[in-house]
Amino acid sequence: MKTRVSLSLEMPRTKARKSLRSVLAPDNVGIPRGTRLQIEVMGSNLVFGVASDSVSTAISTVLALVRDASLFQEVWLLSRKKGAKVQRK
């Protein structure tokens, strides 16, 4: 079964969007066989497209992207201001 999953992150700051894209792209060179990862900028959104021959691989890849983006957000915010706090919703 072929699976396609799309994840869109709204990131109004161009610098943050470019940084996240550059941080995540090299790590995904060795993605599982039969899986394709595409990263695009669409307006203020960073859009990840995952296509896989396996449902579980597609879902785990997207979950890994969400975890990595969350970690990036924490590091990004904490590096910007002394005493900055990460807000969780």
PDB file of N, CA and C in Angstrom:
ATOM      1  N   MET A   1       0.840  -1.166   0.000  1.00  0.00           N
ATOM      2  CA  MET A   1       0.000   0.000   0.000  1.00  0.00           C
ATOM      3  C   MET A   1       0.896   1.243   0.000  1.00  0.00           C
ATOM      4  N   LYS A   2       0.655   2.137  -0.912  1.00  0.00           N
ATOM      5  CA  LYS A   2       1.393   3.401  -0.970  1.00  0.00           C
ATOM      6  C   LYS A   2       0.738   4.406  -0.026  1.00  0.00           C
ATOM      7  N   THR A   3       1.564   5.157   0.680  1.00  0.00           N
ATOM      8  CA  THR A   3       1.066   6.141   1.640  1.00  0.00           C
ATOM      9  C   THR A   3       1.733   7.480   1.377  1.00  0.00           C
ATOM     10  N   ARG A   4       0.930   8.539   1.457  1.00  0.00           N
ATOM     11  CA  ARG A   4       1.457   9.902   1.350  1.00  0.00           C
ATOM     12  C   ARG A   4       0.972  10.701   2.544  1.00  0.00           C
ATOM     13  N   VAL A   5       1.906  11.391   3.173  1.00  0.00           N
ATOM     14  CA  VAL A   5       1.587  12.220   4.328  1.00  0.00           C
ATOM     15  C   VAL A   5       2.215  13.585   4.105  1.00  0.00           C
ATOM     16  N   SER A   6       1.470  14.618   4.453  1.00  0.00           N
ATOM     17  CA  SER A   6       1.976  15.976   4.330  1.00  0.00           C
ATOM     18  C   SER A   6       1.924  16.648   5.699  1.00  0.00           C
ATOM     19  N   LEU A   7       3.006  17.325   6.044  1.00  0.00           N
ATOM     20  CA  LEU A   7       3.093  18.065   7.296  1.00  0.00           C
ATOM     21  C   LEU A   7       3.455  19.499   6.947  1.00  0.00           C
ATOM     22  N   SER A   8       2.639  20.434   7.401  1.00  0.00           N
ATOM     23  CA  SER A   8       2.881  21.847   7.123  1.00  0.00           C
ATOM     24  C   SER A   8       3.111  22.587   8.430  1.00  0.00           C
ATOM     25  N   LEU A   9       4.235  23.287   8.512  1.00  0.00           N
ATOM     26  CA  LEU A   9       4.566  24.077   9.694  1.00  0.00           C
ATOM     27  C   LEU A   9       4.534  25.547   9.305  1.00  0.00           C
ATOM     28  N   GLU A  10       3.695  26.319   9.984  1.00  0.00           N
ATOM     29  CA  GLU A  10       3.630  27.747   9.711  1.00  0.00           C
ATOM     30  C   GLU A  10       4.774  28.425  10.440  1.00  0.00           C
ATOM     31  N   MET A  11       5.640  29.061   9.653  1.00  0.00           N
ATOM     32  CA  MET A  11       6.826  29.710  10.198  1.00  0.00           C
ATOM     33  C   MET A  11       6.985  31.074   9.522  1.00  0.00           C
ATOM     34  N   PRO A  12       6.424  32.119  10.119  1.00  0.00           N
ATOM     35  CA  PRO A  12       6.463  33.441   9.493  1.00  0.00           C
ATOM     36  C   PRO A  12       7.872  34.011   9.307  1.00  0.00           C
ATOM     37  N   ARG A  13       8.806  33.600  10.153  1.00  0.00           N
ATOM     38  CA  ARG A  13      10.169  34.139  10.043  1.00  0.00           C
ATOM     39  C   ARG A  13      10.963  33.351   9.001  1.00  0.00           C
ATOM     40  N   THR A  14      11.412  34.057   7.973  1.00  0.00           N
ATOM     41  CA  THR A  14      12.166  33.440   6.880  1.00  0.00           C
ATOM     42  C   THR A  14      13.441  32.782   7.391  1.00  0.00           C
ATOM     43  N   LYS A  15      14.148  33.438   8.287  1.00  0.00           N
ATOM     44  CA  LYS A  15      15.412  32.903   8.794  1.00  0.00           C
ATOM     45  C   LYS A  15      15.183  31.577   9.529  1.00  0.00           C
ATOM     46  N   ALA A  16      14.153  31.515  10.349  1.00  0.00           N
ATOM     47  CA  ALA A  16      13.846  30.281  11.076  1.00  0.00           C
ATOM     48  C   ALA A  16      13.462  29.169  10.103  1.00  0.00           C
ATOM     49  N   ARG A  17      12.653  29.503   9.104  1.00  0.00           N
ATOM     50  CA  ARG A  17      12.215  28.528   8.095  1.00  0.00           C
ATOM     51  C   ARG A  17      13.415  27.947   7.349  1.00  0.00           C
ATOM     52  N   LYS A  18      14.314  28.825   6.916  1.00  0.00           N
ATOM     53  CA  LYS A  18      15.508  28.368   6.195  1.00  0.00           C
ATOM     54  C   LYS A  18      16.403  27.531   7.087  1.00  0.00           C
ATOM     55  N   SER A  19      16.536  27.945   8.345  1.00  0.00           N
ATOM     56  CA  SER A  19      17.382  27.200   9.272  1.00  0.00           C
ATOM     57  C   SER A  19      16.832  25.805   9.541  1.00  0.00           C
ATOM     58  N   LEU A  20      15.521  25.700   9.777  1.00  0.00           N
ATOM     59  CA  LEU A  20      14.927  24.384  10.026  1.00  0.00           C
ATOM     60  C   LEU A  20      15.079  23.494   8.805  1.00  0.00           C
ATOM     61  N   ARG A  21      14.854  24.054   7.648  1.00  0.00           N
ATOM     62  CA  ARG A  21      15.002  23.265   6.420  1.00  0.00           C
ATOM     63  C   ARG A  21      16.430  22.748   6.273  1.00  0.00           C
ATOM     64  N   SER A  22      17.395  23.603   6.529  1.00  0.00           N
ATOM     65  CA  SER A  22      18.796  23.182   6.380  1.00  0.00           C
ATOM     66  C   SER A  22      19.206  22.168   7.446  1.00  0.00           C
ATOM     67  N   VAL A  23      18.635  22.286   8.630  1.00  0.00           N
ATOM     68  CA  VAL A  23      18.959  21.353   9.708  1.00  0.00           C
ATOM     69  C   VAL A  23      18.380  19.968   9.423  1.00  0.00           C
ATOM     70  N   LEU A  24      17.164  19.902   8.931  1.00  0.00           N
ATOM     71  CA  LEU A  24      16.504  18.613   8.732  1.00  0.00           C
ATOM     72  C   LEU A  24      16.893  17.909   7.438  1.00  0.00           C
ATOM     73  N   ALA A  25      17.176  18.643   6.400  1.00  0.00           N
ATOM     74  CA  ALA A  25      17.459  18.019   5.100  1.00  0.00           C
ATOM     75  C   ALA A  25      18.637  17.050   5.124  1.00  0.00           C
ATOM     76  N   PRO A  26      19.806  17.418   5.664  1.00  0.00           N
ATOM     77  CA  PRO A  26      20.932  16.480   5.638  1.00  0.00           C
ATOM     78  C   PRO A  26      20.689  15.201   6.444  1.00  0.00           C
ATOM     79  N   ASP A  27      19.934  15.303   7.542  1.00  0.00           N
ATOM     80  CA  ASP A  27      19.686  14.137   8.389  1.00  0.00           C
ATOM     81  C   ASP A  27      18.833  13.077   7.691  1.00  0.00           C
ATOM     82  N   ASN A  28      18.106  13.473   6.666  1.00  0.00           N
ATOM     83  CA  ASN A  28      17.177  12.551   6.044  1.00  0.00           C
ATOM     84  C   ASN A  28      17.722  11.911   4.770  1.00  0.00           C
ATOM     85  N   VAL A  29      19.033  11.975   4.600  1.00  0.00           N
ATOM     86  CA  VAL A  29      19.650  11.356   3.430  1.00  0.00           C
ATOM     87  C   VAL A  29      19.467   9.843   3.471  1.00  0.00           C
ATOM     88  N   GLY A  30      19.569   9.244   4.639  1.00  0.00           N
ATOM     89  CA  GLY A  30      19.481   7.796   4.779  1.00  0.00           C
ATOM     90  C   GLY A  30      18.097   7.311   5.164  1.00  0.00           C
ATOM     91  N   ILE A  31      17.055   7.909   4.618  1.00  0.00           N
ATOM     92  CA  ILE A  31      15.700   7.470   4.966  1.00  0.00           C
ATOM     93  C   ILE A  31      15.441   6.056   4.442  1.00  0.00           C
ATOM     94  N   PRO A  32      14.470   5.369   5.014  1.00  0.00           N
ATOM     95  CA  PRO A  32      14.220   3.972   4.639  1.00  0.00           C
ATOM     96  C   PRO A  32      13.952   3.775   3.148  1.00  0.00           C
ATOM     97  N   ARG A  33      14.321   2.632   2.666  1.00  0.00           N
ATOM     98  CA  ARG A  33      14.106   2.274   1.264  1.00  0.00           C
ATOM     99  C   ARG A  33      12.611   2.332   0.946  1.00  0.00           C
ATOM    100  N   GLY A  34      12.292   2.854  -0.223  1.00  0.00           N
ATOM    101  CA  GLY A  34      10.890   2.970  -0.627  1.00  0.00           C
ATOM    102  C   GLY A  34      10.201   4.196  -0.068  1.00  0.00           C
ATOM    103  N   THR A  35      10.977   5.089   0.557  1.00  0.00           N
ATOM    104  CA  THR A  35      10.421   6.308   1.146  1.00  0.00           C
ATOM    105  C   THR A  35      11.035   7.525   0.468  1.00  0.00           C
ATOM    106  N   ARG A  36      10.194   8.507   0.187  1.00  0.00           N
ATOM    107  CA  ARG A  36      10.669   9.765  -0.407  1.00  0.00           C
ATOM    108  C   ARG A  36      10.278  10.912   0.512  1.00  0.00           C
ATOM    109  N   LEU A  37      11.197  11.827   0.708  1.00  0.00           N
ATOM    110  CA  LEU A  37      10.951  13.008   1.520  1.00  0.00           C
ATOM    111  C   LEU A  37      11.172  14.237   0.668  1.00  0.00           C
ATOM    112  N   GLN A  38      10.196  15.116   0.679  1.00  0.00           N
ATOM    113  CA  GLN A  38      10.286  16.359  -0.072  1.00  0.00           C
ATOM    114  C   GLN A  38      10.028  17.512   0.896  1.00  0.00           C
ATOM    115  N   ILE A  39      10.857  18.542   0.816  1.00  0.00           N
ATOM    116  CA  ILE A  39      10.700  19.718   1.668  1.00  0.00           C
ATOM    117  C   ILE A  39      10.546  20.933   0.767  1.00  0.00           C
ATOM    118  N   GLU A  40       9.447  21.665   0.963  1.00  0.00           N
ATOM    119  CA  GLU A  40       9.178  22.847   0.147  1.00  0.00           C
ATOM    120  C   GLU A  40       8.792  24.020   1.031  1.00  0.00           C
ATOM    121  N   VAL A  41       9.053  25.213   0.537  1.00  0.00           N
ATOM    122  CA  VAL A  41       8.572  26.428   1.178  1.00  0.00           C
ATOM    123  C   VAL A  41       7.373  26.908   0.364  1.00  0.00           C
ATOM    124  N   MET A  42       6.257  27.086   1.049  1.00  0.00           N
ATOM    125  CA  MET A  42       5.040  27.594   0.414  1.00  0.00           C
ATOM    126  C   MET A  42       4.562  28.783   1.223  1.00  0.00           C
ATOM    127  N   GLY A  43       4.900  29.977   0.763  1.00  0.00           N
ATOM    128  CA  GLY A  43       4.561  31.180   1.519  1.00  0.00           C
ATOM    129  C   GLY A  43       5.305  31.175   2.841  1.00  0.00           C
ATOM    130  N   SER A  44       4.559  31.262   3.939  1.00  0.00           N
ATOM    131  CA  SER A  44       5.193  31.252   5.259  1.00  0.00           C
ATOM    132  C   SER A  44       5.215  29.847   5.875  1.00  0.00           C
ATOM    133  N   ASN A  45       4.921  28.847   5.057  1.00  0.00           N
ATOM    134  CA  ASN A  45       4.895  27.461   5.542  1.00  0.00           C
ATOM    135  C   ASN A  45       6.074  26.655   5.022  1.00  0.00           C
ATOM    136  N   LEU A  46       6.561  25.776   5.881  1.00  0.00           N
ATOM    137  CA  LEU A  46       7.540  24.779   5.481  1.00  0.00           C
ATOM    138  C   LEU A  46       6.753  23.475   5.393  1.00  0.00           C
ATOM    139  N   VAL A  47       6.710  22.897   4.205  1.00  0.00           N
ATOM    140  CA  VAL A  47       5.862  21.734   3.960  1.00  0.00           C
ATOM    141  C   VAL A  47       6.734  20.512   3.691  1.00  0.00           C
ATOM    142  N   PHE A  48       6.483  19.469   4.462  1.00  0.00           N
ATOM    143  CA  PHE A  48       7.175  18.195   4.307  1.00  0.00           C
ATOM    144  C   PHE A  48       6.216  17.208   3.668  1.00  0.00           C
ATOM    145  N   GLY A  49       6.646  16.574   2.603  1.00  0.00           N
ATOM    146  CA  GLY A  49       5.854  15.531   1.972  1.00  0.00           C
ATOM    147  C   GLY A  49       6.591  14.208   2.115  1.00  0.00           C
ATOM    148  N   VAL A  50       5.900  13.211   2.637  1.00  0.00           N
ATOM    149  CA  VAL A  50       6.491  11.886   2.811  1.00  0.00           C
ATOM    150  C   VAL A  50       5.665  10.896   2.006  1.00  0.00           C
ATOM    151  N   ALA A  51       6.327  10.156   1.142  1.00  0.00           N
ATOM    152  CA  ALA A  51       5.671   9.090   0.378  1.00  0.00           C
ATOM    153  C   ALA A  51       6.425   7.806   0.694  1.00  0.00           C
ATOM    154  N   SER A  52       5.664   6.743   0.972  1.00  0.00           N
ATOM    155  CA  SER A  52       6.303   5.494   1.367  1.00  0.00           C
ATOM    156  C   SER A  52       5.480   4.298   0.911  1.00  0.00           C
ATOM    157  N   ASP A  53       6.161   3.185   0.752  1.00  0.00           N
ATOM    158  CA  ASP A  53       5.494   1.925   0.439  1.00  0.00           C
ATOM    159  C   ASP A  53       4.850   1.338   1.686  1.00  0.00           C
ATOM    160  N   SER A  54       5.164   1.892   2.839  1.00  0.00           N
ATOM    161  CA  SER A  54       4.688   1.357   4.114  1.00  0.00           C
ATOM    162  C   SER A  54       3.996   2.452   4.918  1.00  0.00           C
ATOM    163  N   VAL A  55       2.805   2.160   5.422  1.00  0.00           N
ATOM    164  CA  VAL A  55       2.079   3.116   6.252  1.00  0.00           C
ATOM    165  C   VAL A  55       2.867   3.445   7.514  1.00  0.00           C
ATOM    166  N   SER A  56       3.382   2.434   8.182  1.00  0.00           N
ATOM    167  CA  SER A  56       4.097   2.667   9.435  1.00  0.00           C
ATOM    168  C   SER A  56       5.367   3.490   9.223  1.00  0.00           C
ATOM    169  N   THR A  57       6.043   3.281   8.104  1.00  0.00           N
ATOM    170  CA  THR A  57       7.252   4.068   7.815  1.00  0.00           C
ATOM    171  C   THR A  57       6.903   5.526   7.574  1.00  0.00           C
ATOM    172  N   ALA A  58       5.831   5.777   6.837  1.00  0.00           N
ATOM    173  CA  ALA A  58       5.403   7.158   6.578  1.00  0.00           C
ATOM    174  C   ALA A  58       5.050   7.865   7.881  1.00  0.00           C
ATOM    175  N   ILE A  59       4.297   7.189   8.729  1.00  0.00           N
ATOM    176  CA  ILE A  59       3.883   7.793  10.001  1.00  0.00           C
ATOM    177  C   ILE A  59       5.082   8.014  10.915  1.00  0.00           C
ATOM    178  N   SER A  60       5.961   7.053  11.020  1.00  0.00           N
ATOM    179  CA  SER A  60       7.129   7.221  11.901  1.00  0.00           C
ATOM    180  C   SER A  60       8.053   8.319  11.376  1.00  0.00           C
ATOM    181  N   THR A  61       8.152   8.467  10.062  1.00  0.00           N
ATOM    182  CA  THR A  61       8.973   9.541   9.491  1.00  0.00           C
ATOM    183  C   THR A  61       8.394  10.901   9.846  1.00  0.00           C
ATOM    184  N   VAL A  62       7.078  11.053   9.737  1.00  0.00           N
ATOM    185  CA  VAL A  62       6.432  12.325  10.081  1.00  0.00           C
ATOM    186  C   VAL A  62       6.563  12.606  11.577  1.00  0.00           C
ATOM    187  N   LEU A  63       6.399  11.588  12.407  1.00  0.00           N
ATOM    188  CA  LEU A  63       6.579  11.783  13.850  1.00  0.00           C
ATOM    189  C   LEU A  63       8.002  12.223  14.180  1.00  0.00           C
ATOM    190  N   ALA A  64       8.983  11.665  13.498  1.00  0.00           N
ATOM    191  CA  ALA A  64      10.376  12.070  13.696  1.00  0.00           C
ATOM    192  C   ALA A  64      10.568  13.531  13.288  1.00  0.00           C
ATOM    193  N   LEU A  65       9.921  13.942  12.201  1.00  0.00           N
ATOM    194  CA  LEU A  65      10.004  15.337  11.770  1.00  0.00           C
ATOM    195  C   LEU A  65       9.384  16.264  12.806  1.00  0.00           C
ATOM    196  N   VAL A  66       8.251  15.870  13.384  1.00  0.00           N
ATOM    197  CA  VAL A  66       7.592  16.680  14.406  1.00  0.00           C
ATOM    198  C   VAL A  66       8.488  16.804  15.641  1.00  0.00           C
ATOM    199  N   ARG A  67       9.095  15.706  16.072  1.00  0.00           N
ATOM    200  CA  ARG A  67      10.013  15.747  17.226  1.00  0.00           C
ATOM    201  C   ARG A  67      11.202  16.658  16.937  1.00  0.00           C
ATOM    202  N   ASP A  68      11.779  16.521  15.739  1.00  0.00           N
ATOM    203  CA  ASP A  68      12.935  17.344  15.374  1.00  0.00           C
ATOM    204  C   ASP A  68      12.557  18.820  15.291  1.00  0.00           C
ATOM    205  N   ALA A  69      11.383  19.118  14.745  1.00  0.00           N
ATOM    206  CA  ALA A  69      10.933  20.512  14.646  1.00  0.00           C
ATOM    207  C   ALA A  69      10.692  21.098  16.028  1.00  0.00           C
ATOM    208  N   SER A  70      10.155  20.299  16.933  1.00  0.00           N
ATOM    209  CA  SER A  70       9.924  20.756  18.306  1.00  0.00           C
ATOM    210  C   SER A  70      11.245  21.066  19.010  1.00  0.00           C
ATOM    211  N   LEU A  71      12.208  20.193  18.860  1.00  0.00           N
ATOM    212  CA  LEU A  71      13.530  20.415  19.444  1.00  0.00           C
ATOM    213  C   LEU A  71      14.175  21.661  18.836  1.00  0.00           C
ATOM    214  N   PHE A  72      14.051  21.818  17.514  1.00  0.00           N
ATOM    215  CA  PHE A  72      14.582  22.994  16.838  1.00  0.00           C
ATOM    216  C   PHE A  72      13.962  24.258  17.426  1.00  0.00           C
ATOM    217  N   GLN A  73      12.645  24.246  17.644  1.00  0.00           N
ATOM    218  CA  GLN A  73      11.955  25.415  18.192  1.00  0.00           C
ATOM    219  C   GLN A  73      12.510  25.783  19.564  1.00  0.00           C
ATOM    220  N   GLU A  74      12.700  24.799  20.408  1.00  0.00           N
ATOM    221  CA  GLU A  74      13.240  25.066  21.743  1.00  0.00           C
ATOM    222  C   GLU A  74      14.635  25.685  21.668  1.00  0.00           C
ATOM    223  N   VAL A  75      15.498  25.086  20.858  1.00  0.00           N
ATOM    224  CA  VAL A  75      16.865  25.595  20.715  1.00  0.00           C
ATOM    225  C   VAL A  75      16.847  26.986  20.092  1.00  0.00           C
ATOM    226  N   TRP A  76      16.029  27.186  19.075  1.00  0.00           N
ATOM    227  CA  TRP A  76      15.925  28.473  18.384  1.00  0.00           C
ATOM    228  C   TRP A  76      15.504  29.564  19.366  1.00  0.00           C
ATOM    229  N   LEU A  77      14.460  29.326  20.125  1.00  0.00           N
ATOM    230  CA  LEU A  77      13.970  30.334  21.060  1.00  0.00           C
ATOM    231  C   LEU A  77      14.966  30.612  22.172  1.00  0.00           C
ATOM    232  N   LEU A  78      15.551  29.566  22.715  1.00  0.00           N
ATOM    233  CA  LEU A  78      16.491  29.762  23.807  1.00  0.00           C
ATOM    234  C   LEU A  78      17.780  30.454  23.359  1.00  0.00           C
ATOM    235  N   SER A  79      18.141  30.291  22.092  1.00  0.00           N
ATOM    236  CA  SER A  79      19.356  30.935  21.593  1.00  0.00           C
ATOM    237  C   SER A  79      19.129  32.395  21.219  1.00  0.00           C
ATOM    238  N   ARG A  80      17.881  32.802  21.107  1.00  0.00           N
ATOM    239  CA  ARG A  80      17.572  34.168  20.682  1.00  0.00           C
ATOM    240  C   ARG A  80      17.614  35.180  21.815  1.00  0.00           C
ATOM    241  N   LYS A  81      17.133  34.801  22.991  1.00  0.00           N
ATOM    242  CA  LYS A  81      17.057  35.742  24.097  1.00  0.00           C
ATOM    243  C   LYS A  81      17.529  35.087  25.378  1.00  0.00           C
ATOM    244  N   LYS A  82      18.244  35.859  26.120  1.00  0.00           N
ATOM    245  CA  LYS A  82      18.641  35.357  27.435  1.00  0.00           C
ATOM    246  C   LYS A  82      17.378  35.328  28.297  1.00  0.00           C
ATOM    247  N   GLY A  83      17.152  34.200  28.939  1.00  0.00           N
ATOM    248  CA  GLY A  83      15.975  34.067  29.799  1.00  0.00           C
ATOM    249  C   GLY A  83      14.700  33.730  29.050  1.00  0.00           C
ATOM    250  N   ALA A  84      14.794  33.447  27.745  1.00  0.00           N
ATOM    251  CA  ALA A  84      13.602  33.095  26.972  1.00  0.00           C
ATOM    252  C   ALA A  84      13.035  31.778  27.466  1.00  0.00           C
ATOM    253  N   LYS A  85      11.718  31.650  27.407  1.00  0.00           N
ATOM    254  CA  LYS A  85      11.061  30.428  27.835  1.00  0.00           C
ATOM    255  C   LYS A  85      10.295  29.844  26.662  1.00  0.00           C
ATOM    256  N   VAL A  86      10.306  28.525  26.580  1.00  0.00           N
ATOM    257  CA  VAL A  86       9.561  27.823  25.551  1.00  0.00           C
ATOM    258  C   VAL A  86       8.132  27.681  26.027  1.00  0.00           C
ATOM    259  N   GLN A  87       7.180  28.123  25.205  1.00  0.00           N
ATOM    260  CA  GLN A  87       5.762  28.011  25.562  1.00  0.00           C
ATOM    261  C   GLN A  87       5.176  26.781  24.892  1.00  0.00           C
ATOM    262  N   ARG A  88       4.562  25.947  25.675  1.00  0.00           N
ATOM    263  CA  ARG A  88       3.904  24.754  25.146  1.00  0.00           C
ATOM    264  C   ARG A  88       2.401  24.973  25.196  1.00  0.00           C
ATOM    265  N   LYS A  89       1.753  24.598  24.110  1.00  0.00           N
ATOM    266  CA  LYS A  89       0.289  24.750  24.045  1.00  0.00           C
ATOM    267  C   LYS A  89      -0.387  23.428  24.225  1.00  0.00           C
TER     268      LYS A  89
END
